[in-house]
Amino acid sequence: LRAVQAALLTDPFDRAAAEAALARSRASA
């Protein structure tokens, strides 16, 4: 979740980082 938050603050938006973080979150869940 913190990695997604960091990706939100990048300009331009770092979709790949957010996507990877969400994938890690899904795996842990």
PDB file of all heavy atoms in Angstrom:
ATOM      1  N   LEU A   1       0.831  -1.207   0.000  1.00  0.00           N
ATOM      2  CA  LEU A   1       0.000   0.000   0.000  1.00  0.00           C
ATOM      3  C   LEU A   1       0.868   1.260   0.000  1.00  0.00           C
ATOM      4  O   LEU A   1       0.569   2.235  -0.685  1.00  0.00           O
ATOM      5  CB  LEU A   1      -0.932   0.003   1.214  1.00  0.00           C
ATOM      6  CG  LEU A   1      -2.016  -1.076   1.222  1.00  0.00           C
ATOM      7  CD1 LEU A   1      -2.770  -1.061   2.540  1.00  0.00           C
ATOM      8  CD2 LEU A   1      -2.956  -0.891   0.057  1.00  0.00           C
ATOM      9  N   ARG A   2       1.957   1.216   0.743  1.00  0.00           N
ATOM     10  CA  ARG A   2       2.878   2.364   0.746  1.00  0.00           C
ATOM     11  C   ARG A   2       3.536   2.533  -0.628  1.00  0.00           C
ATOM     12  O   ARG A   2       3.763   3.658  -1.083  1.00  0.00           O
ATOM     13  CB  ARG A   2       3.913   2.212   1.853  1.00  0.00           C
ATOM     14  CG  ARG A   2       3.322   2.496   3.247  1.00  0.00           C
ATOM     15  CD  ARG A   2       4.376   2.513   4.333  1.00  0.00           C
ATOM     16  NE  ARG A   2       4.954   1.198   4.584  1.00  0.00           N
ATOM     17  CZ  ARG A   2       4.386   0.229   5.284  1.00  0.00           C
ATOM     18  NH1 ARG A   2       3.204   0.410   5.827  1.00  0.00           N
ATOM     19  NH2 ARG A   2       4.992  -0.929   5.459  1.00  0.00           N
ATOM     20  N   ALA A   3       3.825   1.428  -1.312  1.00  0.00           N
ATOM     21  CA  ALA A   3       4.418   1.507  -2.657  1.00  0.00           C
ATOM     22  C   ALA A   3       3.421   2.107  -3.647  1.00  0.00           C
ATOM     23  O   ALA A   3       3.814   2.895  -4.520  1.00  0.00           O
ATOM     24  CB  ALA A   3       4.875   0.124  -3.123  1.00  0.00           C
ATOM     25  N   VAL A   4       2.145   1.764  -3.518  1.00  0.00           N
ATOM     26  CA  VAL A   4       1.127   2.368  -4.383  1.00  0.00           C
ATOM     27  C   VAL A   4       1.057   3.865  -4.098  1.00  0.00           C
ATOM     28  O   VAL A   4       0.983   4.685  -5.012  1.00  0.00           O
ATOM     29  CB  VAL A   4      -0.251   1.701  -4.193  1.00  0.00           C
ATOM     30  CG1 VAL A   4      -1.341   2.478  -4.906  1.00  0.00           C
ATOM     31  CG2 VAL A   4      -0.231   0.265  -4.693  1.00  0.00           C
ATOM     32  N   GLN A   5       1.095   4.205  -2.826  1.00  0.00           N
ATOM     33  CA  GLN A   5       1.061   5.618  -2.448  1.00  0.00           C
ATOM     34  C   GLN A   5       2.246   6.365  -3.074  1.00  0.00           C
ATOM     35  O   GLN A   5       2.083   7.455  -3.615  1.00  0.00           O
ATOM     36  CB  GLN A   5       1.092   5.751  -0.927  1.00  0.00           C
ATOM     37  CG  GLN A   5       1.025   7.174  -0.443  1.00  0.00           C
ATOM     38  CD  GLN A   5       1.127   7.256   1.071  1.00  0.00           C
ATOM     39  OE1 GLN A   5       1.696   6.381   1.700  1.00  0.00           O
ATOM     40  NE2 GLN A   5       0.586   8.321   1.623  1.00  0.00           N
ATOM     41  N   ALA A   6       3.430   5.779  -3.023  1.00  0.00           N
ATOM     42  CA  ALA A   6       4.604   6.408  -3.628  1.00  0.00           C
ATOM     43  C   ALA A   6       4.422   6.557  -5.135  1.00  0.00           C
ATOM     44  O   ALA A   6       4.777   7.587  -5.722  1.00  0.00           O
ATOM     45  CB  ALA A   6       5.858   5.592  -3.319  1.00  0.00           C
ATOM     46  N   ALA A   7       3.848   5.549  -5.782  1.00  0.00           N
ATOM     47  CA  ALA A   7       3.620   5.618  -7.228  1.00  0.00           C
ATOM     48  C   ALA A   7       2.626   6.731  -7.569  1.00  0.00           C
ATOM     49  O   ALA A   7       2.754   7.381  -8.614  1.00  0.00           O
ATOM     50  CB  ALA A   7       3.112   4.271  -7.748  1.00  0.00           C
ATOM     51  N   LEU A   8       1.667   6.961  -6.681  1.00  0.00           N
ATOM     52  CA  LEU A   8       0.699   8.033  -6.913  1.00  0.00           C
ATOM     53  C   LEU A   8       1.370   9.402  -6.927  1.00  0.00           C
ATOM     54  O   LEU A   8       0.907  10.320  -7.600  1.00  0.00           O
ATOM     55  CB  LEU A   8      -0.375   8.025  -5.816  1.00  0.00           C
ATOM     56  CG  LEU A   8      -1.367   6.880  -5.840  1.00  0.00           C
ATOM     57  CD1 LEU A   8      -2.230   6.912  -4.590  1.00  0.00           C
ATOM     58  CD2 LEU A   8      -2.216   6.949  -7.086  1.00  0.00           C
ATOM     59  N   LEU A   9       2.433   9.516  -6.183  1.00  0.00           N
ATOM     60  CA  LEU A   9       3.100  10.814  -6.052  1.00  0.00           C
ATOM     61  C   LEU A   9       4.145  11.078  -7.123  1.00  0.00           C
ATOM     62  O   LEU A   9       4.704  12.171  -7.185  1.00  0.00           O
ATOM     63  CB  LEU A   9       3.735  10.921  -4.657  1.00  0.00           C
ATOM     64  CG  LEU A   9       2.735  10.871  -3.497  1.00  0.00           C
ATOM     65  CD1 LEU A   9       3.461  10.810  -2.161  1.00  0.00           C
ATOM     66  CD2 LEU A   9       1.769  12.043  -3.559  1.00  0.00           C
ATOM     67  N   THR A  10       4.423  10.071  -7.964  1.00  0.00           N
ATOM     68  CA  THR A  10       5.399  10.284  -9.037  1.00  0.00           C
ATOM     69  C   THR A  10       4.742  11.028 -10.191  1.00  0.00           C
ATOM     70  O   THR A  10       3.537  10.922 -10.411  1.00  0.00           O
ATOM     71  CB  THR A  10       5.987   8.959  -9.557  1.00  0.00           C
ATOM     72  OG1 THR A  10       4.937   8.161 -10.088  1.00  0.00           O
ATOM     73  CG2 THR A  10       6.715   8.208  -8.463  1.00  0.00           C
ATOM     74  N   ASP A  11       5.548  11.791 -10.899  1.00  0.00           N
ATOM     75  CA  ASP A  11       5.038  12.497 -12.063  1.00  0.00           C
ATOM     76  C   ASP A  11       6.021  12.291 -13.204  1.00  0.00           C
ATOM     77  O   ASP A  11       7.177  12.722 -13.081  1.00  0.00           O
ATOM     78  CB  ASP A  11       4.860  13.976 -11.758  1.00  0.00           C
ATOM     79  CG  ASP A  11       4.085  14.683 -12.860  1.00  0.00           C
ATOM     80  OD1 ASP A  11       3.304  14.010 -13.566  1.00  0.00           O
ATOM     81  OD2 ASP A  11       4.266  15.908 -13.003  1.00  0.00           O
ATOM     82  N   PRO A  12       5.685  11.583 -14.229  1.00  0.00           N
ATOM     83  CA  PRO A  12       4.369  11.017 -14.484  1.00  0.00           C
ATOM     84  C   PRO A  12       4.094   9.797 -13.599  1.00  0.00           C
ATOM     85  O   PRO A  12       5.003   9.212 -13.018  1.00  0.00           O
ATOM     86  CB  PRO A  12       4.442  10.606 -15.955  1.00  0.00           C
ATOM     87  CG  PRO A  12       5.893  10.357 -16.203  1.00  0.00           C
ATOM     88  CD  PRO A  12       6.643  11.300 -15.298  1.00  0.00           C
ATOM     89  N   PHE A  13       2.827   9.443 -13.523  1.00  0.00           N
ATOM     90  CA  PHE A  13       2.391   8.305 -12.719  1.00  0.00           C
ATOM     91  C   PHE A  13       3.147   7.049 -13.135  1.00  0.00           C
ATOM     92  O   PHE A  13       3.253   6.740 -14.315  1.00  0.00           O
ATOM     93  CB  PHE A  13       0.887   8.112 -12.896  1.00  0.00           C
ATOM     94  CG  PHE A  13       0.345   6.845 -12.301  1.00  0.00           C
ATOM     95  CD1 PHE A  13       0.407   6.612 -10.936  1.00  0.00           C
ATOM     96  CD2 PHE A  13      -0.240   5.883 -13.103  1.00  0.00           C
ATOM     97  CE1 PHE A  13      -0.089   5.450 -10.394  1.00  0.00           C
ATOM     98  CE2 PHE A  13      -0.749   4.713 -12.564  1.00  0.00           C
ATOM     99  CZ  PHE A  13      -0.670   4.503 -11.191  1.00  0.00           C
ATOM    100  N   ASP A  14       3.663   6.322 -12.159  1.00  0.00           N
ATOM    101  CA  ASP A  14       4.421   5.097 -12.417  1.00  0.00           C
ATOM    102  C   ASP A  14       3.482   3.896 -12.329  1.00  0.00           C
ATOM    103  O   ASP A  14       3.387   3.230 -11.305  1.00  0.00           O
ATOM    104  CB  ASP A  14       5.569   4.964 -11.410  1.00  0.00           C
ATOM    105  CG  ASP A  14       6.520   3.836 -11.769  1.00  0.00           C
ATOM    106  OD1 ASP A  14       6.206   3.043 -12.674  1.00  0.00           O
ATOM    107  OD2 ASP A  14       7.579   3.773 -11.116  1.00  0.00           O
ATOM    108  N   ARG A  15       2.782   3.650 -13.413  1.00  0.00           N
ATOM    109  CA  ARG A  15       1.796   2.570 -13.441  1.00  0.00           C
ATOM    110  C   ARG A  15       2.434   1.210 -13.155  1.00  0.00           C
ATOM    111  O   ARG A  15       1.873   0.391 -12.441  1.00  0.00           O
ATOM    112  CB  ARG A  15       1.083   2.543 -14.786  1.00  0.00           C
ATOM    113  CG  ARG A  15       0.023   1.449 -14.844  1.00  0.00           C
ATOM    114  CD  ARG A  15      -0.600   1.331 -16.215  1.00  0.00           C
ATOM    115  NE  ARG A  15      -1.517   0.214 -16.245  1.00  0.00           N
ATOM    116  CZ  ARG A  15      -2.834   0.327 -16.198  1.00  0.00           C
ATOM    117  NH1 ARG A  15      -3.397   1.511 -16.118  1.00  0.00           N
ATOM    118  NH2 ARG A  15      -3.590  -0.747 -16.224  1.00  0.00           N
ATOM    119  N   ALA A  16       3.604   0.962 -13.710  1.00  0.00           N
ATOM    120  CA  ALA A  16       4.261  -0.340 -13.529  1.00  0.00           C
ATOM    121  C   ALA A  16       4.561  -0.586 -12.055  1.00  0.00           C
ATOM    122  O   ALA A  16       4.357  -1.701 -11.549  1.00  0.00           O
ATOM    123  CB  ALA A  16       5.534  -0.408 -14.356  1.00  0.00           C
ATOM    124  N   ALA A  17       5.023   0.432 -11.338  1.00  0.00           N
ATOM    125  CA  ALA A  17       5.312   0.273  -9.904  1.00  0.00           C
ATOM    126  C   ALA A  17       4.030   0.022  -9.124  1.00  0.00           C
ATOM    127  O   ALA A  17       3.987  -0.834  -8.230  1.00  0.00           O
ATOM    128  CB  ALA A  17       6.026   1.511  -9.369  1.00  0.00           C
ATOM    129  N   ALA A  18       2.979   0.753  -9.465  1.00  0.00           N
ATOM    130  CA  ALA A  18       1.699   0.560  -8.777  1.00  0.00           C
ATOM    131  C   ALA A  18       1.138  -0.831  -9.065  1.00  0.00           C
ATOM    132  O   ALA A  18       0.631  -1.507  -8.168  1.00  0.00           O
ATOM    133  CB  ALA A  18       0.704   1.636  -9.197  1.00  0.00           C
ATOM    134  N   GLU A  19       1.248  -1.245 -10.306  1.00  0.00           N
ATOM    135  CA  GLU A  19       0.750  -2.571 -10.696  1.00  0.00           C
ATOM    136  C   GLU A  19       1.512  -3.674  -9.965  1.00  0.00           C
ATOM    137  O   GLU A  19       0.916  -4.639  -9.467  1.00  0.00           O
ATOM    138  CB  GLU A  19       0.880  -2.727 -12.210  1.00  0.00           C
ATOM    139  CG  GLU A  19       0.120  -3.891 -12.777  1.00  0.00           C
ATOM    140  CD  GLU A  19       0.083  -3.853 -14.308  1.00  0.00           C
ATOM    141  OE1 GLU A  19       0.745  -3.007 -14.928  1.00  0.00           O
ATOM    142  OE2 GLU A  19      -0.622  -4.700 -14.857  1.00  0.00           O
ATOM    143  N   ALA A  20       2.816  -3.542  -9.860  1.00  0.00           N
ATOM    144  CA  ALA A  20       3.632  -4.534  -9.144  1.00  0.00           C
ATOM    145  C   ALA A  20       3.266  -4.567  -7.663  1.00  0.00           C
ATOM    146  O   ALA A  20       3.172  -5.640  -7.055  1.00  0.00           O
ATOM    147  CB  ALA A  20       5.112  -4.218  -9.322  1.00  0.00           C
ATOM    148  N   ALA A  21       3.040  -3.395  -7.080  1.00  0.00           N
ATOM    149  CA  ALA A  21       2.664  -3.337  -5.671  1.00  0.00           C
ATOM    150  C   ALA A  21       1.306  -3.988  -5.447  1.00  0.00           C
ATOM    151  O   ALA A  21       1.106  -4.725  -4.468  1.00  0.00           O
ATOM    152  CB  ALA A  21       2.646  -1.883  -5.190  1.00  0.00           C
ATOM    153  N   LEU A  22       0.364  -3.728  -6.330  1.00  0.00           N
ATOM    154  CA  LEU A  22      -0.960  -4.354  -6.205  1.00  0.00           C
ATOM    155  C   LEU A  22      -0.852  -5.876  -6.357  1.00  0.00           C
ATOM    156  O   LEU A  22      -1.557  -6.622  -5.671  1.00  0.00           O
ATOM    157  CB  LEU A  22      -1.931  -3.777  -7.237  1.00  0.00           C
ATOM    158  CG  LEU A  22      -2.369  -2.335  -6.990  1.00  0.00           C
ATOM    159  CD1 LEU A  22      -3.180  -1.819  -8.168  1.00  0.00           C
ATOM    160  CD2 LEU A  22      -3.160  -2.233  -5.703  1.00  0.00           C
ATOM    161  N   ALA A  23       0.019  -6.330  -7.231  1.00  0.00           N
ATOM    162  CA  ALA A  23       0.217  -7.779  -7.398  1.00  0.00           C
ATOM    163  C   ALA A  23       0.784  -8.386  -6.115  1.00  0.00           C
ATOM    164  O   ALA A  23       0.363  -9.474  -5.698  1.00  0.00           O
ATOM    165  CB  ALA A  23       1.139  -8.058  -8.577  1.00  0.00           C
ATOM    166  N   ARG A  24       1.730  -7.691  -5.478  1.00  0.00           N
ATOM    167  CA  ARG A  24       2.272  -8.188  -4.200  1.00  0.00           C
ATOM    168  C   ARG A  24       1.186  -8.226  -3.129  1.00  0.00           C
ATOM    169  O   ARG A  24       1.109  -9.169  -2.346  1.00  0.00           O
ATOM    170  CB  ARG A  24       3.443  -7.312  -3.737  1.00  0.00           C
ATOM    171  CG  ARG A  24       4.697  -7.474  -4.579  1.00  0.00           C
ATOM    172  CD  ARG A  24       5.923  -6.820  -3.937  1.00  0.00           C
ATOM    173  NE  ARG A  24       5.742  -5.436  -3.553  1.00  0.00           N
ATOM    174  CZ  ARG A  24       5.948  -4.384  -4.344  1.00  0.00           C
ATOM    175  NH1 ARG A  24       6.333  -4.568  -5.591  1.00  0.00           N
ATOM    176  NH2 ARG A  24       5.788  -3.155  -3.893  1.00  0.00           N
ATOM    177  N   SER A  25       0.353  -7.213  -3.107  1.00  0.00           N
ATOM    178  CA  SER A  25      -0.743  -7.162  -2.142  1.00  0.00           C
ATOM    179  C   SER A  25      -1.709  -8.329  -2.358  1.00  0.00           C
ATOM    180  O   SER A  25      -2.134  -8.994  -1.410  1.00  0.00           O
ATOM    181  CB  SER A  25      -1.488  -5.830  -2.279  1.00  0.00           C
ATOM    182  OG  SER A  25      -2.587  -5.772  -1.413  1.00  0.00           O
ATOM    183  N   ARG A  26      -2.047  -8.601  -3.626  1.00  0.00           N
ATOM    184  CA  ARG A  26      -2.940  -9.722  -3.938  1.00  0.00           C
ATOM    185  C   ARG A  26      -2.340 -11.046  -3.499  1.00  0.00           C
ATOM    186  O   ARG A  26      -3.028 -11.905  -2.954  1.00  0.00           O
ATOM    187  CB  ARG A  26      -3.202  -9.770  -5.446  1.00  0.00           C
ATOM    188  CG  ARG A  26      -4.460  -9.125  -5.893  1.00  0.00           C
ATOM    189  CD  ARG A  26      -4.824  -9.452  -7.342  1.00  0.00           C
ATOM    190  NE  ARG A  26      -3.725  -9.425  -8.293  1.00  0.00           N
ATOM    191  CZ  ARG A  26      -3.269  -8.337  -8.896  1.00  0.00           C
ATOM    192  NH1 ARG A  26      -3.797  -7.167  -8.635  1.00  0.00           N
ATOM    193  NH2 ARG A  26      -2.273  -8.407  -9.757  1.00  0.00           N
ATOM    194  N   ALA A  27      -1.046 -11.227  -3.739  1.00  0.00           N
ATOM    195  CA  ALA A  27      -0.386 -12.479  -3.366  1.00  0.00           C
ATOM    196  C   ALA A  27      -0.409 -12.657  -1.847  1.00  0.00           C
ATOM    197  O   ALA A  27      -0.691 -13.759  -1.356  1.00  0.00           O
ATOM    198  CB  ALA A  27       1.053 -12.494  -3.883  1.00  0.00           C
ATOM    199  N   SER A  28      -0.137 -11.594  -1.113  1.00  0.00           N
ATOM    200  CA  SER A  28      -0.157 -11.688   0.354  1.00  0.00           C
ATOM    201  C   SER A  28      -1.563 -11.945   0.861  1.00  0.00           C
ATOM    202  O   SER A  28      -1.767 -12.749   1.771  1.00  0.00           O
ATOM    203  CB  SER A  28       0.403 -10.408   0.979  1.00  0.00           C
ATOM    204  OG  SER A  28       1.779 -10.301   0.706  1.00  0.00           O
ATOM    205  N   ALA A  29      -2.551 -11.271   0.272  1.00  0.00           N
ATOM    206  CA  ALA A  29      -3.939 -11.495   0.679  1.00  0.00           C
ATOM    207  C   ALA A  29      -4.345 -12.942   0.400  1.00  0.00           C
ATOM    208  O   ALA A  29      -5.039 -13.575   1.197  1.00  0.00           O
ATOM    209  CB  ALA A  29      -4.868 -10.524  -0.050  1.00  0.00           C
TER     210      ALA A  29
END
